[in-house]
C-alpha atoms as a PDB file:
ATOM      1  CA  MET A   1     237.779 275.845  98.824  1.00  0.00           C
ATOM      2  CA  SER A   2     238.135 279.631  98.628  1.00  0.00           C
ATOM      3  CA  SER A   3     236.133 281.820 101.001  1.00  0.00           C
ATOM      4  CA  ARG A   4     235.453 284.138  98.069  1.00  0.00           C
ATOM      5  CA  PRO A   5     232.627 283.405  95.624  1.00  0.00           C
ATOM      6  CA  LEU A   6     233.629 282.222  92.179  1.00  0.00           C
ATOM      7  CA  HIS A   7     230.894 284.362  90.593  1.00  0.00           C
ATOM      8  CA  VAL A   8     228.297 286.858  91.801  1.00  0.00           C
ATOM      9  CA  LEU A   9     225.259 286.694  89.532  1.00  0.00           C
ATOM     10  CA  LYS A  10     222.971 289.729  89.364  1.00  0.00           C
ATOM     11  CA  GLY A  11     219.734 289.758  87.400  1.00  0.00           C
ATOM     12  CA  HIS A  12     216.821 289.684  89.827  1.00  0.00           C
ATOM     13  CA  GLY A  13     215.157 292.724  91.347  1.00  0.00           C
ATOM     14  CA  SER A  14     214.222 291.083  94.639  1.00  0.00           C
ATOM     15  CA  ASN A  15     214.769 287.905  96.661  1.00  0.00           C
ATOM     16  CA  ILE A  16     215.520 284.613  94.883  1.00  0.00           C
ATOM     17  CA  PRO A  17     213.545 281.736  96.436  1.00  0.00           C
ATOM     18  CA  ALA A  18     214.247 279.075  93.794  1.00  0.00           C
ATOM     19  CA  LEU A  19     217.447 277.597  92.398  1.00  0.00           C
ATOM     20  CA  ALA A  20     218.261 274.447  90.430  1.00  0.00           C
ATOM     21  CA  PHE A  21     221.086 273.040  88.345  1.00  0.00           C
ATOM     22  CA  VAL A  22     220.222 271.337  85.060  1.00  0.00           C
ATOM     23  CA  PRO A  23     221.916 267.910  85.394  1.00  0.00           C
ATOM     24  CA  ASN A  24     224.887 267.081  83.170  1.00  0.00           C
ATOM     25  CA  SER A  25     225.391 270.707  82.197  1.00  0.00           C
ATOM     26  CA  ASP A  26     226.769 274.028  83.425  1.00  0.00           C
ATOM     27  CA  ILE A  27     223.289 275.570  83.385  1.00  0.00           C
ATOM     28  CA  LEU A  28     221.847 277.080  86.552  1.00  0.00           C
ATOM     29  CA  VAL A  29     218.230 278.287  86.784  1.00  0.00           C
ATOM     30  CA  SER A  30     217.260 280.934  89.349  1.00  0.00           C
ATOM     31  CA  GLY A  31     213.653 281.901  89.976  1.00  0.00           C
ATOM     32  CA  GLY A  32     212.338 285.125  91.434  1.00  0.00           C
ATOM     33  CA  ASP A  33     210.416 288.199  90.409  1.00  0.00           C
ATOM     34  CA  GLY A  34     208.437 287.597  87.235  1.00  0.00           C
ATOM     35  CA  GLY A  35     210.422 284.697  85.868  1.00  0.00           C
ATOM     36  CA  CYS A  36     213.669 282.749  85.749  1.00  0.00           C
ATOM     37  CA  GLN A  37     217.164 283.682  84.738  1.00  0.00           C
ATOM     38  CA  ILE A  38     219.300 281.078  82.949  1.00  0.00           C
ATOM     39  CA  TRP A  39     223.012 281.163  83.722  1.00  0.00           C
ATOM     40  CA  ASP A  40     226.167 279.473  82.546  1.00  0.00           C
ATOM     41  CA  ALA A  41     227.542 278.745  86.009  1.00  0.00           C
ATOM     42  CA  ARG A  42     231.009 277.916  84.685  1.00  0.00           C
ATOM     43  CA  ILE A  43     231.657 281.437  83.410  1.00  0.00           C
ATOM     44  CA  GLY A  44     229.003 283.335  85.402  1.00  0.00           C
ATOM     45  CA  VAL A  45     227.103 284.760  82.435  1.00  0.00           C
ATOM     46  CA  GLN A  46     223.353 285.030  81.905  1.00  0.00           C
ATOM     47  CA  VAL A  47     222.385 283.080  78.782  1.00  0.00           C
ATOM     48  CA  GLY A  48     218.591 283.282  78.756  1.00  0.00           C
ATOM     49  CA  GLN A  49     215.317 283.984  80.524  1.00  0.00           C
ATOM     50  CA  LEU A  50     212.004 282.254  81.159  1.00  0.00           C
ATOM     51  CA  PHE A  51     209.084 284.648  81.638  1.00  0.00           C
ATOM     52  CA  GLN A  52     206.105 283.392  83.616  1.00  0.00           C
ATOM     53  CA  HIS A  53     204.450 286.753  84.418  1.00  0.00           C
ATOM     54  CA  THR A  54     204.405 285.884  88.121  1.00  0.00           C
ATOM     55  CA  SER A  55     206.914 285.548  90.910  1.00  0.00           C
ATOM     56  CA  ILE A  56     208.615 282.144  90.879  1.00  0.00           C
ATOM     57  CA  ARG A  57     208.445 280.059  94.047  1.00  0.00           C
ATOM     58  CA  SER A  58     210.081 276.806  92.900  1.00  0.00           C
ATOM     59  CA  VAL A  59     212.266 275.331  90.164  1.00  0.00           C
ATOM     60  CA  GLY A  60     213.042 271.723  89.249  1.00  0.00           C
ATOM     61  CA  ALA A  61     214.982 269.990  86.478  1.00  0.00           C
ATOM     62  CA  SER A  62     214.599 266.499  85.055  1.00  0.00           C
ATOM     63  CA  ALA A  63     217.481 264.072  85.582  1.00  0.00           C
ATOM     64  CA  ASP A  64     218.230 263.948  81.858  1.00  0.00           C
ATOM     65  CA  GLY A  65     218.401 267.746  81.709  1.00  0.00           C
ATOM     66  CA  GLN A  66     215.726 267.985  79.024  1.00  0.00           C
ATOM     67  CA  TRP A  67     212.981 269.711  81.031  1.00  0.00           C
ATOM     68  CA  ILE A  68     212.751 272.548  83.523  1.00  0.00           C
ATOM     69  CA  ALA A  69     209.690 272.976  85.732  1.00  0.00           C
ATOM     70  CA  THR A  70     208.806 276.293  87.380  1.00  0.00           C
ATOM     71  CA  GLY A  71     206.142 277.011  89.977  1.00  0.00           C
ATOM     72  CA  GLY A  72     204.567 280.448  90.232  1.00  0.00           C
ATOM     73  CA  ASN A  73     203.060 282.482  93.038  1.00  0.00           C
ATOM     74  CA  ASP A  74     199.756 282.368  91.128  1.00  0.00           C
ATOM     75  CA  GLY A  75     199.627 278.571  91.514  1.00  0.00           C
ATOM     76  CA  SER A  76     200.826 277.821  87.986  1.00  0.00           C
ATOM     77  CA  ILE A  77     203.322 275.171  86.907  1.00  0.00           C
ATOM     78  CA  VAL A  78     205.135 275.546  83.587  1.00  0.00           C
ATOM     79  CA  ILE A  79     207.271 272.942  81.812  1.00  0.00           C
ATOM     80  CA  TRP A  80     210.027 274.291  79.567  1.00  0.00           C
ATOM     81  CA  LYS A  81     212.393 272.649  77.119  1.00  0.00           C
ATOM     82  CA  SER A  82     215.767 273.460  78.633  1.00  0.00           C
ATOM     83  CA  GLU A  83     217.745 273.634  75.392  1.00  0.00           C
ATOM     84  CA  THR A  84     215.434 276.013  73.510  1.00  0.00           C
ATOM     85  CA  ARG A  85     213.627 277.719  76.477  1.00  0.00           C
ATOM     86  CA  GLU A  86     210.358 276.817  74.734  1.00  0.00           C
ATOM     87  CA  LYS A  87     207.246 276.675  76.915  1.00  0.00           C
ATOM     88  CA  LEU A  88     205.760 273.202  76.473  1.00  0.00           C
ATOM     89  CA  VAL A  89     202.773 273.134  78.810  1.00  0.00           C
ATOM     90  CA  GLU A  90     201.259 275.238  81.602  1.00  0.00           C
ATOM     91  CA  TRP A  91     198.540 274.519  84.138  1.00  0.00           C
ATOM     92  CA  LYS A  92     197.067 275.967  87.337  1.00  0.00           C
ATOM     93  CA  THR A  93     197.157 274.105  90.643  1.00  0.00           C
ATOM     94  CA  GLY A  94     195.227 276.306  93.064  1.00  0.00           C
ATOM     95  CA  HIS A  95     198.051 276.878  95.567  1.00  0.00           C
ATOM     96  CA  PRO A  96     201.607 278.184  95.019  1.00  0.00           C
ATOM     97  CA  PRO A  97     204.005 275.241  94.556  1.00  0.00           C
ATOM     98  CA  LEU A  98     206.914 275.557  96.981  1.00  0.00           C
ATOM     99  CA  SER A  99     208.754 272.483  95.702  1.00  0.00           C
ATOM    100  CA  LEU A 100     208.911 270.535  92.442  1.00  0.00           C
ATOM    101  CA  CYS A 101     210.598 267.193  91.810  1.00  0.00           C
ATOM    102  CA  PHE A 102     210.723 265.026  88.689  1.00  0.00           C
ATOM    103  CA  SER A 103     210.805 261.264  89.002  1.00  0.00           C
ATOM    104  CA  LEU A 104     213.983 259.705  87.611  1.00  0.00           C
ATOM    105  CA  GLY A 105     212.467 258.994  84.190  1.00  0.00           C
ATOM    106  CA  ALA A 106     210.587 262.337  84.151  1.00  0.00           C
ATOM    107  CA  ARG A 107     207.252 260.570  83.732  1.00  0.00           C
ATOM    108  CA  GLU A 108     205.939 262.192  86.908  1.00  0.00           C
ATOM    109  CA  LEU A 109     206.316 265.554  88.623  1.00  0.00           C
ATOM    110  CA  ALA A 110     205.563 265.946  92.328  1.00  0.00           C
ATOM    111  CA  SER A 111     204.590 269.319  93.766  1.00  0.00           C
ATOM    112  CA  GLY A 112     204.372 270.477  97.387  1.00  0.00           C
ATOM    113  CA  HIS A 113     202.229 273.506  98.158  1.00  0.00           C
ATOM    114  CA  GLU A 114     201.201 276.168 100.587  1.00  0.00           C
ATOM    115  CA  GLY A 115     198.262 274.797 102.509  1.00  0.00           C
ATOM    116  CA  GLY A 116     199.960 271.432 103.031  1.00  0.00           C
ATOM    117  CA  GLN A 117     198.855 269.768  99.786  1.00  0.00           C
ATOM    118  CA  MET A 118     200.859 267.457  97.532  1.00  0.00           C
ATOM    119  CA  ASN A 119     200.104 266.469  93.940  1.00  0.00           C
ATOM    120  CA  VAL A 120     201.661 264.262  91.284  1.00  0.00           C
ATOM    121  CA  TRP A 121     201.341 265.358  87.645  1.00  0.00           C
ATOM    122  CA  ASN A 122     202.103 264.159  84.150  1.00  0.00           C
ATOM    123  CA  PRO A 123     204.666 266.792  83.104  1.00  0.00           C
ATOM    124  CA  ALA A 124     204.062 266.157  79.409  1.00  0.00           C
ATOM    125  CA  THR A 125     200.374 267.091  79.602  1.00  0.00           C
ATOM    126  CA  GLY A 126     199.721 268.791  82.928  1.00  0.00           C
ATOM    127  CA  ASP A 127     197.163 266.128  83.841  1.00  0.00           C
ATOM    128  CA  ARG A 128     196.920 265.209  87.498  1.00  0.00           C
ATOM    129  CA  ILE A 129     198.049 261.629  88.173  1.00  0.00           C
ATOM    130  CA  SER A 130     197.239 261.634  91.881  1.00  0.00           C
ATOM    131  CA  GLY A 131     196.234 264.010  94.657  1.00  0.00           C
ATOM    132  CA  PRO A 132     195.634 266.462  96.033  1.00  0.00           C
ATOM    133  CA  PHE A 133     196.730 264.869  99.303  1.00  0.00           C
ATOM    134  CA  LYS A 134     196.467 266.929 102.476  1.00  0.00           C
ATOM    135  CA  LEU A 135     199.669 266.074 104.335  1.00  0.00           C
ATOM    136  CA  ASP A 136     200.026 269.045 106.677  1.00  0.00           C
ATOM    137  CA  HIS A 137     198.157 272.083 107.988  1.00  0.00           C
ATOM    138  CA  GLY A 138     200.956 274.440 106.990  1.00  0.00           C
ATOM    139  CA  TYR A 139     203.548 274.307 104.243  1.00  0.00           C
ATOM    140  CA  ILE A 140     205.155 271.504 102.298  1.00  0.00           C
ATOM    141  CA  ASP A 141     208.678 272.827 101.912  1.00  0.00           C
ATOM    142  CA  TRP A 142     210.171 269.943  99.935  1.00  0.00           C
ATOM    143  CA  VAL A 143     209.248 266.823  97.983  1.00  0.00           C
ATOM    144  CA  SER A 144     211.778 264.258  96.781  1.00  0.00           C
ATOM    145  CA  PHE A 145     211.185 261.106  94.730  1.00  0.00           C
ATOM    146  CA  SER A 146     213.112 257.998  95.682  1.00  0.00           C
ATOM    147  CA  PRO A 147     215.342 256.793  92.816  1.00  0.00           C
ATOM    148  CA  GLN A 148     212.860 253.989  92.096  1.00  0.00           C
ATOM    149  CA  GLY A 149     209.965 256.466  92.034  1.00  0.00           C
ATOM    150  CA  ASP A 150     207.848 254.394  94.414  1.00  0.00           C
ATOM    151  CA  ARG A 151     208.137 256.694  97.436  1.00  0.00           C
ATOM    152  CA  LEU A 152     208.214 260.407  98.164  1.00  0.00           C
ATOM    153  CA  ALA A 153     210.025 262.094 101.026  1.00  0.00           C
ATOM    154  CA  VAL A 154     208.039 265.128 102.136  1.00  0.00           C
ATOM    155  CA  SER A 155     209.288 267.925 104.416  1.00  0.00           C
ATOM    156  CA  THR A 156     206.619 269.891 106.268  1.00  0.00           C
ATOM    157  CA  ASN A 157     206.646 272.478 109.034  1.00  0.00           C
ATOM    158  CA  SER A 158     206.050 269.726 111.569  1.00  0.00           C
ATOM    159  CA  VAL A 159     207.286 266.296 110.363  1.00  0.00           C
ATOM    160  CA  VAL A 160     209.090 264.315 107.671  1.00  0.00           C
ATOM    161  CA  ARG A 161     206.810 261.880 105.866  1.00  0.00           C
ATOM    162  CA  ILE A 162     207.505 258.993 103.504  1.00  0.00           C
ATOM    163  CA  VAL A 163     204.426 258.472 101.361  1.00  0.00           C
ATOM    164  CA  ASP A 164     203.198 256.489  98.391  1.00  0.00           C
ATOM    165  CA  PRO A 165     203.047 259.014  95.520  1.00  0.00           C
ATOM    166  CA  HIS A 166     199.855 257.549  94.086  1.00  0.00           C
ATOM    167  CA  SER A 167     197.799 257.166  97.256  1.00  0.00           C
ATOM    168  CA  GLY A 168     199.325 259.748  99.603  1.00  0.00           C
ATOM    169  CA  VAL A 169     199.367 257.079 102.309  1.00  0.00           C
ATOM    170  CA  ASP A 170     202.254 257.033 104.766  1.00  0.00           C
ATOM    171  CA  VAL A 171     204.612 254.137 104.053  1.00  0.00           C
ATOM    172  CA  ILE A 172     206.021 254.445 107.579  1.00  0.00           C
ATOM    173  CA  LYS A 173     204.906 256.418 110.610  1.00  0.00           C
ATOM    174  CA  PRO A 174     205.592 260.181 110.214  1.00  0.00           C
ATOM    175  CA  ILE A 175     209.015 261.097 111.564  1.00  0.00           C
ATOM    176  CA  THR A 176     208.875 263.595 114.429  1.00  0.00           C
ATOM    177  CA  ALA A 177     212.420 263.441 115.805  1.00  0.00           C
ATOM    178  CA  HIS A 178     213.154 267.090 114.991  1.00  0.00           C
ATOM    179  CA  LYS A 179     212.269 269.736 117.579  1.00  0.00           C
ATOM    180  CA  ALA A 180     211.086 272.007 114.750  1.00  0.00           C
ATOM    181  CA  GLY A 181     210.018 271.636 111.143  1.00  0.00           C
ATOM    182  CA  SER A 182     212.075 270.055 108.367  1.00  0.00           C
ATOM    183  CA  ARG A 183     213.192 272.280 105.493  1.00  0.00           C
ATOM    184  CA  ARG A 184     214.674 269.616 103.203  1.00  0.00           C
ATOM    185  CA  ALA A 185     214.588 265.825 103.000  1.00  0.00           C
ATOM    186  CA  LEU A 186     216.866 263.864 100.668  1.00  0.00           C
ATOM    187  CA  TRP A 187     217.317 260.182  99.899  1.00  0.00           C
ATOM    188  CA  SER A 188     220.728 258.630 100.339  1.00  0.00           C
ATOM    189  CA  SER A 189     222.138 257.150  97.143  1.00  0.00           C
ATOM    190  CA  ASP A 190     221.226 253.622  98.295  1.00  0.00           C
ATOM    191  CA  THR A 191     217.720 254.802  99.463  1.00  0.00           C
ATOM    192  CA  GLN A 192     218.344 253.239 102.886  1.00  0.00           C
ATOM    193  CA  GLN A 193     218.378 256.604 104.640  1.00  0.00           C
ATOM    194  CA  ILE A 194     216.503 259.905 104.652  1.00  0.00           C
ATOM    195  CA  ILE A 195     218.596 262.980 105.412  1.00  0.00           C
ATOM    196  CA  SER A 196     216.646 265.893 106.869  1.00  0.00           C
ATOM    197  CA  ALA A 197     217.647 269.534 107.409  1.00  0.00           C
ATOM    198  CA  SER A 198     215.716 271.277 110.150  1.00  0.00           C
ATOM    199  CA  GLN A 199     214.833 274.560 111.770  1.00  0.00           C
ATOM    200  CA  ASP A 200     216.167 273.067 115.023  1.00  0.00           C
ATOM    201  CA  HIS A 201     219.721 273.653 113.669  1.00  0.00           C
ATOM    202  CA  THR A 202     220.413 269.942 113.096  1.00  0.00           C
ATOM    203  CA  ILE A 203     220.731 267.459 110.251  1.00  0.00           C
ATOM    204  CA  LYS A 204     219.387 264.016 111.028  1.00  0.00           C
ATOM    205  CA  PHE A 205     219.805 260.680 109.275  1.00  0.00           C
ATOM    206  CA  PHE A 206     216.798 258.356 109.470  1.00  0.00           C
ATOM    207  CA  ASP A 207     216.292 254.733 108.498  1.00  0.00           C
ATOM    208  CA  SER A 208     213.917 255.046 105.521  1.00  0.00           C
ATOM    209  CA  SER A 209     212.136 251.788 106.358  1.00  0.00           C
ATOM    210  CA  THR A 210     211.493 252.467 110.052  1.00  0.00           C
ATOM    211  CA  GLY A 211     211.969 256.202 110.641  1.00  0.00           C
ATOM    212  CA  SER A 212     214.398 255.576 113.498  1.00  0.00           C
ATOM    213  CA  VAL A 213     217.243 258.061 113.989  1.00  0.00           C
ATOM    214  CA  ILE A 214     220.637 256.769 112.851  1.00  0.00           C
ATOM    215  CA  SER A 215     222.756 259.842 113.551  1.00  0.00           C
ATOM    216  CA  THR A 216     222.582 263.594 114.102  1.00  0.00           C
ATOM    217  CA  CYS A 217     224.876 266.325 112.794  1.00  0.00           C
ATOM    218  CA  THR A 218     225.191 269.397 115.021  1.00  0.00           C
ATOM    219  CA  GLY A 219     227.236 272.533 114.565  1.00  0.00           C
ATOM    220  CA  HIS A 220     225.007 275.050 112.822  1.00  0.00           C
ATOM    221  CA  ASN A 221     223.710 277.935 114.937  1.00  0.00           C
ATOM    222  CA  GLY A 222     220.625 278.606 112.837  1.00  0.00           C
ATOM    223  CA  THR A 223     218.041 276.958 110.627  1.00  0.00           C
ATOM    224  CA  VAL A 224     219.608 274.496 108.190  1.00  0.00           C
ATOM    225  CA  CYS A 225     218.000 275.827 105.023  1.00  0.00           C
ATOM    226  CA  SER A 226     219.197 273.314 102.456  1.00  0.00           C
ATOM    227  CA  ILE A 227     221.367 270.229 101.985  1.00  0.00           C
ATOM    228  CA  SER A 228     222.874 268.537  98.953  1.00  0.00           C
ATOM    229  CA  LEU A 229     224.726 265.266  98.361  1.00  0.00           C
ATOM    230  CA  PHE A 230     227.644 265.036  95.948  1.00  0.00           C
ATOM    231  CA  ASN A 231     230.740 262.949  95.189  1.00  0.00           C
ATOM    232  CA  HIS A 232     228.496 259.906  94.661  1.00  0.00           C
ATOM    233  CA  GLY A 233     226.727 260.495  97.948  1.00  0.00           C
ATOM    234  CA  GLU A 234     229.882 260.434 100.055  1.00  0.00           C
ATOM    235  CA  LEU A 235     229.821 264.128 100.982  1.00  0.00           C
ATOM    236  CA  LEU A 236     226.960 266.252 102.277  1.00  0.00           C
ATOM    237  CA  ALA A 237     226.889 270.042 102.006  1.00  0.00           C
ATOM    238  CA  SER A 238     224.607 272.142 104.198  1.00  0.00           C
ATOM    239  CA  VAL A 239     223.744 275.846 104.219  1.00  0.00           C
ATOM    240  CA  SER A 240     222.255 277.707 107.156  1.00  0.00           C
ATOM    241  CA  ASP A 241     220.938 281.117 108.075  1.00  0.00           C
ATOM    242  CA  ASP A 242     223.932 281.302 110.434  1.00  0.00           C
ATOM    243  CA  SER A 243     225.761 282.347 107.226  1.00  0.00           C
ATOM    244  CA  THR A 244     227.891 279.207 106.992  1.00  0.00           C
ATOM    245  CA  ILE A 245     228.260 276.322 104.566  1.00  0.00           C
ATOM    246  CA  ARG A 246     229.397 273.069 106.135  1.00  0.00           C
ATOM    247  CA  PHE A 247     230.587 269.791 104.648  1.00  0.00           C
ATOM    248  CA  TRP A 248     229.991 266.393 106.237  1.00  0.00           C
ATOM    249  CA  SER A 249     231.348 262.969 105.370  1.00  0.00           C
END
């Protein structure tokens, strides 16, 4: 892998807190000041915009690539049709959504918010399916549906939680093995493990049924800001505020 970027994409006037690929496509969505920019990541060209009239805090895409969800600093969530950029539905939530995640079949959309609340919505209508559930006193940085859609992994500024999306009840005891808050929590491809990136500079693998630590990855010298699985779950990429990207197998 080259140490030089393949493309440098410029289109936002300030920081860019939200980024998501549309599955099965070359489309990348970046969210920031006043809306989202749509890019063809293969050639590095801007191909569209989504205007929400507020700073964007979060972006999510459905697994089939049909829908894009954006969360605004004003507490709004908007669902867009990815192919046409048409706004399909918009609703207000009360608190800025910091994370958005579609269930595998896109029948549900989970949102994690400032103030430690989590909700589950019907993305086709904006109706609340469940919540709000108060899961933390601070922020919910990340929510992630299990592939079966029956559990949610939730990263907060204090713990990792595995909860029932319809009751908000912990499925297992909250995981507190990190020395600082978790920034991201992902499911392994077989759902047997939760992988958590933390402010304590580590990545930890937990048994998703017990919460016990399986292994720990060390090497970063700063907060591990994000992680992503690829190559059918056999490789893990991590990015940190130590200005490095690392790959783990």
